[in-house]
Amino acid sequence: MIEKAKINKEILNTFLEFCKLFHPRENIMLIRGKIKGKIAEVKEFLIPPLSTYGEYFSSFPVFMLPLDLSIIGIAHSHPSGEATPSLEDLNNFYGKIMIITCYPYENIWIYDSKAKKIPFEII
């Protein structure tokens, strides 16, 4: 169970800028990082292969992902302005953490697979 996350400010800003560019479509990215004990360290965001971006959804074929144990979760935007994970988000949870940002894409929220918020530190 992840108890805390750390994310680099520059990497976070890049993710938020991508979300602004995609608006009003939803953006989705993979999170590359490390899990050290109960701390998730976000190192990079990756664009999933064959991603689809719509006004109320985003997706990618999981079977197209390479075997990469450094992928620790998924990050995506909610153009609607609501930052809580939807049932669809939870049913398609991938990895250990989920990062969600919502319009106007200035903040993030990090969740585990049970929709519990994970505190985070921007480094």
N, C-alpha and C. Protein backbone atom coordinates (compact mmCIF):
# COMPACT_ATOMS: atom_id res chain seq x y z
N MET A 1 0.85 -1.18 0.00
CA MET A 1 0.00 0.00 0.00
C MET A 1 0.89 1.25 0.00
N ILE A 2 0.69 2.11 -0.96
CA ILE A 2 1.45 3.35 -1.08
C ILE A 2 0.92 4.37 -0.08
N GLU A 3 1.81 4.97 0.69
CA GLU A 3 1.41 5.95 1.69
C GLU A 3 1.77 7.39 1.32
N LYS A 4 2.70 7.54 0.37
CA LYS A 4 3.13 8.88 -0.03
C LYS A 4 3.72 8.81 -1.43
N ALA A 5 3.64 9.94 -2.14
CA ALA A 5 4.24 10.02 -3.48
C ALA A 5 5.11 11.26 -3.56
N LYS A 6 6.12 11.18 -4.43
CA LYS A 6 7.00 12.30 -4.71
C LYS A 6 7.02 12.51 -6.21
N ILE A 7 6.99 13.78 -6.62
CA ILE A 7 6.99 14.09 -8.04
C ILE A 7 7.80 15.34 -8.30
N ASN A 8 8.63 15.30 -9.33
CA ASN A 8 9.46 16.43 -9.71
C ASN A 8 8.58 17.54 -10.29
N LYS A 9 8.85 18.78 -9.91
CA LYS A 9 8.04 19.92 -10.33
C LYS A 9 8.03 20.10 -11.85
N GLU A 10 9.18 19.97 -12.49
CA GLU A 10 9.27 20.14 -13.95
C GLU A 10 8.47 19.07 -14.68
N ILE A 11 8.56 17.84 -14.22
CA ILE A 11 7.82 16.74 -14.84
C ILE A 11 6.32 16.96 -14.66
N LEU A 12 5.93 17.39 -13.46
CA LEU A 12 4.52 17.68 -13.19
C LEU A 12 4.02 18.79 -14.10
N ASN A 13 4.79 19.86 -14.24
CA ASN A 13 4.37 20.97 -15.10
C ASN A 13 4.21 20.55 -16.55
N THR A 14 5.07 19.66 -17.02
CA THR A 14 4.96 19.15 -18.39
C THR A 14 3.65 18.38 -18.56
N PHE A 15 3.31 17.54 -17.60
CA PHE A 15 2.05 16.80 -17.65
C PHE A 15 0.86 17.76 -17.69
N LEU A 16 0.87 18.77 -16.82
CA LEU A 16 -0.23 19.73 -16.78
C LEU A 16 -0.35 20.51 -18.09
N GLU A 17 0.78 20.85 -18.71
CA GLU A 17 0.74 21.55 -19.99
C GLU A 17 0.14 20.67 -21.09
N PHE A 18 0.48 19.38 -21.10
CA PHE A 18 -0.13 18.46 -22.07
C PHE A 18 -1.64 18.43 -21.89
N CYS A 19 -2.09 18.40 -20.64
CA CYS A 19 -3.53 18.36 -20.38
C CYS A 19 -4.21 19.63 -20.89
N LYS A 20 -3.56 20.77 -20.74
CA LYS A 20 -4.11 22.03 -21.26
C LYS A 20 -4.21 21.99 -22.78
N LEU A 21 -3.20 21.42 -23.43
CA LEU A 21 -3.20 21.33 -24.89
C LEU A 21 -4.31 20.42 -25.42
N PHE A 22 -4.63 19.36 -24.67
CA PHE A 22 -5.64 18.41 -25.11
C PHE A 22 -7.06 18.90 -24.82
N HIS A 23 -7.23 19.83 -23.91
CA HIS A 23 -8.56 20.30 -23.51
C HIS A 23 -9.36 20.74 -24.73
N PRO A 24 -10.61 20.36 -24.90
CA PRO A 24 -11.50 19.73 -23.93
C PRO A 24 -11.48 18.20 -23.95
N ARG A 25 -10.51 17.61 -24.65
CA ARG A 25 -10.39 16.15 -24.64
C ARG A 25 -9.62 15.70 -23.41
N GLU A 26 -9.88 14.49 -22.99
CA GLU A 26 -9.18 13.91 -21.84
C GLU A 26 -7.82 13.39 -22.30
N ASN A 27 -6.80 13.63 -21.50
CA ASN A 27 -5.44 13.16 -21.77
C ASN A 27 -5.16 11.94 -20.89
N ILE A 28 -4.35 11.03 -21.39
CA ILE A 28 -3.93 9.88 -20.58
C ILE A 28 -2.45 9.62 -20.81
N MET A 29 -1.73 9.31 -19.73
CA MET A 29 -0.31 9.03 -19.82
C MET A 29 0.05 7.93 -18.82
N LEU A 30 1.12 7.25 -19.11
CA LEU A 30 1.67 6.27 -18.18
C LEU A 30 2.62 6.97 -17.24
N ILE A 31 2.71 6.46 -16.03
CA ILE A 31 3.63 7.01 -15.03
C ILE A 31 4.80 6.05 -14.89
N ARG A 32 5.99 6.54 -15.14
CA ARG A 32 7.20 5.75 -14.93
C ARG A 32 7.85 6.24 -13.64
N GLY A 33 8.29 5.31 -12.83
CA GLY A 33 8.92 5.69 -11.57
C GLY A 33 9.40 4.48 -10.80
N LYS A 34 9.51 4.67 -9.49
CA LYS A 34 9.98 3.60 -8.60
C LYS A 34 9.10 3.57 -7.36
N ILE A 35 8.95 2.38 -6.84
CA ILE A 35 8.29 2.20 -5.55
C ILE A 35 9.38 1.81 -4.56
N LYS A 36 9.58 2.65 -3.56
CA LYS A 36 10.57 2.36 -2.52
C LYS A 36 9.83 2.25 -1.20
N GLY A 37 9.66 1.01 -0.77
CA GLY A 37 8.88 0.78 0.44
C GLY A 37 7.43 1.18 0.19
N LYS A 38 6.96 2.21 0.90
CA LYS A 38 5.58 2.68 0.75
C LYS A 38 5.53 4.04 0.07
N ILE A 39 6.62 4.40 -0.62
CA ILE A 39 6.71 5.70 -1.30
C ILE A 39 6.84 5.48 -2.80
N ALA A 40 5.97 6.16 -3.56
CA ALA A 40 6.02 6.12 -5.02
C ALA A 40 6.77 7.35 -5.50
N GLU A 41 7.80 7.14 -6.30
CA GLU A 41 8.57 8.25 -6.87
C GLU A 41 8.27 8.34 -8.36
N VAL A 42 7.62 9.43 -8.77
CA VAL A 42 7.27 9.64 -10.17
C VAL A 42 8.48 10.25 -10.87
N LYS A 43 8.96 9.57 -11.90
CA LYS A 43 10.16 10.01 -12.61
C LYS A 43 9.87 10.57 -14.00
N GLU A 44 8.76 10.11 -14.62
CA GLU A 44 8.51 10.46 -16.01
C GLU A 44 7.06 10.13 -16.38
N PHE A 45 6.52 10.85 -17.37
CA PHE A 45 5.24 10.53 -17.96
C PHE A 45 5.49 10.08 -19.39
N LEU A 46 4.79 9.03 -19.82
CA LEU A 46 4.95 8.48 -21.16
C LEU A 46 3.60 8.45 -21.88
N ILE A 47 3.63 8.67 -23.18
CA ILE A 47 2.41 8.56 -23.97
C ILE A 47 2.22 7.09 -24.33
N PRO A 48 1.07 6.51 -23.96
CA PRO A 48 0.84 5.09 -24.28
C PRO A 48 0.67 4.89 -25.79
N PRO A 49 1.07 3.73 -26.28
CA PRO A 49 0.89 3.45 -27.71
C PRO A 49 -0.59 3.36 -28.07
N LEU A 50 -0.94 3.87 -29.25
CA LEU A 50 -2.29 3.81 -29.80
C LEU A 50 -3.34 4.41 -28.87
N SER A 51 -3.00 5.49 -28.19
CA SER A 51 -3.93 6.16 -27.28
C SER A 51 -5.08 6.79 -28.04
N THR A 52 -6.23 6.85 -27.38
CA THR A 52 -7.42 7.49 -27.91
C THR A 52 -7.83 8.57 -26.93
N TYR A 53 -8.14 9.76 -27.44
CA TYR A 53 -8.48 10.90 -26.59
C TYR A 53 -9.84 11.44 -27.01
N GLY A 54 -10.80 11.41 -26.10
CA GLY A 54 -12.14 11.91 -26.40
C GLY A 54 -12.57 12.96 -25.40
N GLU A 55 -13.77 13.50 -25.60
CA GLU A 55 -14.26 14.55 -24.70
C GLU A 55 -14.59 14.01 -23.32
N TYR A 56 -14.97 12.74 -23.22
CA TYR A 56 -15.34 12.20 -21.91
C TYR A 56 -14.58 10.91 -21.58
N PHE A 57 -13.54 10.63 -22.33
CA PHE A 57 -12.79 9.40 -22.08
C PHE A 57 -11.41 9.49 -22.70
N SER A 58 -10.54 8.63 -22.27
CA SER A 58 -9.26 8.39 -22.92
C SER A 58 -8.92 6.93 -22.65
N SER A 59 -8.21 6.32 -23.57
CA SER A 59 -7.88 4.91 -23.38
C SER A 59 -6.68 4.53 -24.23
N PHE A 60 -6.21 3.33 -23.98
CA PHE A 60 -5.14 2.73 -24.78
C PHE A 60 -5.25 1.22 -24.59
N PRO A 61 -4.79 0.45 -25.59
CA PRO A 61 -4.85 -1.01 -25.45
C PRO A 61 -3.72 -1.50 -24.54
N VAL A 62 -4.07 -1.99 -23.38
CA VAL A 62 -3.08 -2.45 -22.40
C VAL A 62 -2.20 -3.54 -22.98
N PHE A 63 -2.75 -4.38 -23.84
CA PHE A 63 -1.96 -5.48 -24.41
C PHE A 63 -0.85 -4.99 -25.32
N MET A 64 -0.88 -3.72 -25.71
CA MET A 64 0.17 -3.16 -26.57
C MET A 64 1.37 -2.64 -25.77
N LEU A 65 1.24 -2.61 -24.45
CA LEU A 65 2.34 -2.09 -23.63
C LEU A 65 3.49 -3.08 -23.59
N PRO A 66 4.71 -2.58 -23.68
CA PRO A 66 5.85 -3.48 -23.52
C PRO A 66 5.97 -3.88 -22.05
N LEU A 67 6.64 -4.97 -21.79
CA LEU A 67 6.88 -5.38 -20.41
C LEU A 67 7.86 -4.38 -19.81
N ASP A 68 7.36 -3.54 -18.95
CA ASP A 68 8.17 -2.47 -18.36
C ASP A 68 7.79 -2.33 -16.89
N LEU A 69 8.60 -2.88 -16.03
CA LEU A 69 8.29 -2.87 -14.60
C LEU A 69 8.45 -1.50 -13.95
N SER A 70 8.93 -0.52 -14.72
CA SER A 70 9.05 0.83 -14.17
C SER A 70 7.76 1.64 -14.33
N ILE A 71 6.76 1.09 -15.00
CA ILE A 71 5.45 1.74 -15.11
C ILE A 71 4.72 1.49 -13.79
N ILE A 72 4.44 2.58 -13.05
CA ILE A 72 3.83 2.42 -11.73
C ILE A 72 2.38 2.91 -11.67
N GLY A 73 1.87 3.41 -12.79
CA GLY A 73 0.48 3.85 -12.78
C GLY A 73 0.09 4.63 -14.01
N ILE A 74 -1.05 5.29 -13.90
CA ILE A 74 -1.62 6.07 -15.00
C ILE A 74 -1.97 7.46 -14.49
N ALA A 75 -1.76 8.45 -15.36
CA ALA A 75 -2.16 9.83 -15.07
C ALA A 75 -3.11 10.27 -16.18
N HIS A 76 -4.16 10.97 -15.81
CA HIS A 76 -5.07 11.47 -16.83
C HIS A 76 -5.80 12.71 -16.35
N SER A 77 -6.44 13.37 -17.30
CA SER A 77 -7.17 14.60 -17.00
C SER A 77 -8.67 14.36 -17.00
N HIS A 78 -9.37 15.21 -16.27
CA HIS A 78 -10.83 15.25 -16.28
C HIS A 78 -11.25 16.64 -16.71
N PRO A 79 -11.53 16.84 -17.99
CA PRO A 79 -11.92 18.17 -18.47
C PRO A 79 -13.17 18.73 -17.80
N SER A 80 -13.97 17.86 -17.20
CA SER A 80 -15.22 18.28 -16.56
C SER A 80 -15.00 19.14 -15.32
N GLY A 81 -13.81 19.08 -14.73
CA GLY A 81 -13.55 19.82 -13.51
C GLY A 81 -13.67 18.98 -12.25
N GLU A 82 -14.06 17.73 -12.37
CA GLU A 82 -14.21 16.82 -11.23
C GLU A 82 -12.95 15.97 -11.09
N ALA A 83 -12.32 15.99 -9.91
CA ALA A 83 -11.03 15.32 -9.74
C ALA A 83 -11.11 13.94 -9.10
N THR A 84 -12.27 13.48 -8.73
CA THR A 84 -12.35 12.16 -8.10
C THR A 84 -12.39 11.07 -9.17
N PRO A 85 -11.85 9.91 -8.87
CA PRO A 85 -11.84 8.82 -9.85
C PRO A 85 -13.27 8.33 -10.12
N SER A 86 -13.57 8.11 -11.38
CA SER A 86 -14.87 7.55 -11.75
C SER A 86 -14.83 6.04 -11.56
N LEU A 87 -15.98 5.41 -11.65
CA LEU A 87 -16.05 3.96 -11.58
C LEU A 87 -15.25 3.35 -12.72
N GLU A 88 -15.32 3.97 -13.89
CA GLU A 88 -14.54 3.52 -15.06
C GLU A 88 -13.04 3.61 -14.77
N ASP A 89 -12.61 4.71 -14.12
CA ASP A 89 -11.20 4.86 -13.75
C ASP A 89 -10.75 3.72 -12.83
N LEU A 90 -11.57 3.42 -11.84
CA LEU A 90 -11.21 2.38 -10.87
C LEU A 90 -11.24 0.99 -11.50
N ASN A 91 -12.19 0.76 -12.40
CA ASN A 91 -12.27 -0.55 -13.07
C ASN A 91 -11.11 -0.79 -14.02
N ASN A 92 -10.49 0.29 -14.49
CA ASN A 92 -9.36 0.18 -15.41
C ASN A 92 -8.05 0.62 -14.76
N PHE A 93 -7.99 0.56 -13.46
CA PHE A 93 -6.79 0.97 -12.71
C PHE A 93 -5.62 0.10 -13.16
N TYR A 94 -4.48 0.75 -13.36
CA TYR A 94 -3.29 0.04 -13.83
C TYR A 94 -2.11 0.49 -12.99
N GLY A 95 -1.44 -0.42 -12.34
CA GLY A 95 -0.27 -0.08 -11.54
C GLY A 95 -0.63 0.15 -10.08
N LYS A 96 0.16 1.02 -9.44
CA LYS A 96 0.00 1.28 -8.00
C LYS A 96 -0.67 2.61 -7.69
N ILE A 97 -0.54 3.59 -8.60
CA ILE A 97 -1.11 4.91 -8.34
C ILE A 97 -1.82 5.45 -9.58
N MET A 98 -2.74 6.38 -9.33
CA MET A 98 -3.43 7.09 -10.39
C MET A 98 -3.36 8.58 -10.07
N ILE A 99 -2.89 9.36 -11.04
CA ILE A 99 -2.85 10.81 -10.89
C ILE A 99 -3.97 11.38 -11.75
N ILE A 100 -4.77 12.26 -11.14
CA ILE A 100 -5.83 12.94 -11.87
C ILE A 100 -5.65 14.44 -11.72
N THR A 101 -5.81 15.14 -12.83
CA THR A 101 -5.89 16.59 -12.81
C THR A 101 -7.20 16.97 -13.47
N CYS A 102 -7.72 18.12 -13.13
CA CYS A 102 -8.96 18.57 -13.76
C CYS A 102 -8.83 20.03 -14.15
N TYR A 103 -9.73 20.43 -15.05
CA TYR A 103 -9.73 21.80 -15.54
C TYR A 103 -9.77 22.76 -14.36
N PRO A 104 -8.90 23.76 -14.28
CA PRO A 104 -8.01 24.34 -15.29
C PRO A 104 -6.59 23.77 -15.26
N TYR A 105 -6.41 22.58 -14.75
CA TYR A 105 -5.13 21.84 -14.80
C TYR A 105 -4.00 22.54 -14.06
N GLU A 106 -4.30 22.91 -12.82
CA GLU A 106 -3.29 23.56 -11.97
C GLU A 106 -2.90 22.71 -10.78
N ASN A 107 -3.70 21.70 -10.47
CA ASN A 107 -3.45 20.83 -9.32
C ASN A 107 -3.58 19.38 -9.74
N ILE A 108 -3.07 18.51 -8.90
CA ILE A 108 -3.24 17.07 -9.11
C ILE A 108 -3.73 16.43 -7.82
N TRP A 109 -4.32 15.26 -8.00
CA TRP A 109 -4.70 14.40 -6.89
C TRP A 109 -4.17 13.03 -7.22
N ILE A 110 -3.67 12.34 -6.21
CA ILE A 110 -3.11 11.00 -6.42
C ILE A 110 -3.94 10.02 -5.60
N TYR A 111 -4.29 8.89 -6.23
CA TYR A 111 -5.14 7.89 -5.59
C TYR A 111 -4.53 6.51 -5.70
N ASP A 112 -4.96 5.64 -4.79
CA ASP A 112 -4.62 4.22 -4.91
C ASP A 112 -5.80 3.51 -5.58
N SER A 113 -5.73 2.21 -5.70
CA SER A 113 -6.76 1.45 -6.42
C SER A 113 -8.11 1.41 -5.70
N LYS A 114 -8.15 1.85 -4.46
CA LYS A 114 -9.40 1.89 -3.68
C LYS A 114 -9.97 3.30 -3.62
N ALA A 115 -9.42 4.22 -4.41
CA ALA A 115 -9.83 5.64 -4.48
C ALA A 115 -9.47 6.41 -3.22
N LYS A 116 -8.48 5.90 -2.49
CA LYS A 116 -7.99 6.62 -1.31
C LYS A 116 -6.92 7.63 -1.78
N LYS A 117 -7.06 8.88 -1.31
CA LYS A 117 -6.09 9.89 -1.67
C LYS A 117 -4.74 9.59 -1.04
N ILE A 118 -3.71 9.80 -1.84
CA ILE A 118 -2.34 9.61 -1.37
C ILE A 118 -1.69 10.98 -1.27
N PRO A 119 -1.17 11.33 -0.10
CA PRO A 119 -0.47 12.62 0.00
C PRO A 119 0.80 12.61 -0.85
N PHE A 120 1.18 13.79 -1.35
CA PHE A 120 2.34 13.83 -2.22
C PHE A 120 3.17 15.08 -1.93
N GLU A 121 4.40 15.00 -2.36
CA GLU A 121 5.36 16.08 -2.20
C GLU A 121 5.91 16.43 -3.58
N ILE A 122 5.93 17.71 -3.89
CA ILE A 122 6.53 18.17 -5.14
C ILE A 122 7.97 18.55 -4.83
N ILE A 123 8.90 17.92 -5.54
CA ILE A 123 10.32 18.15 -5.26
C ILE A 123 11.02 18.86 -6.41
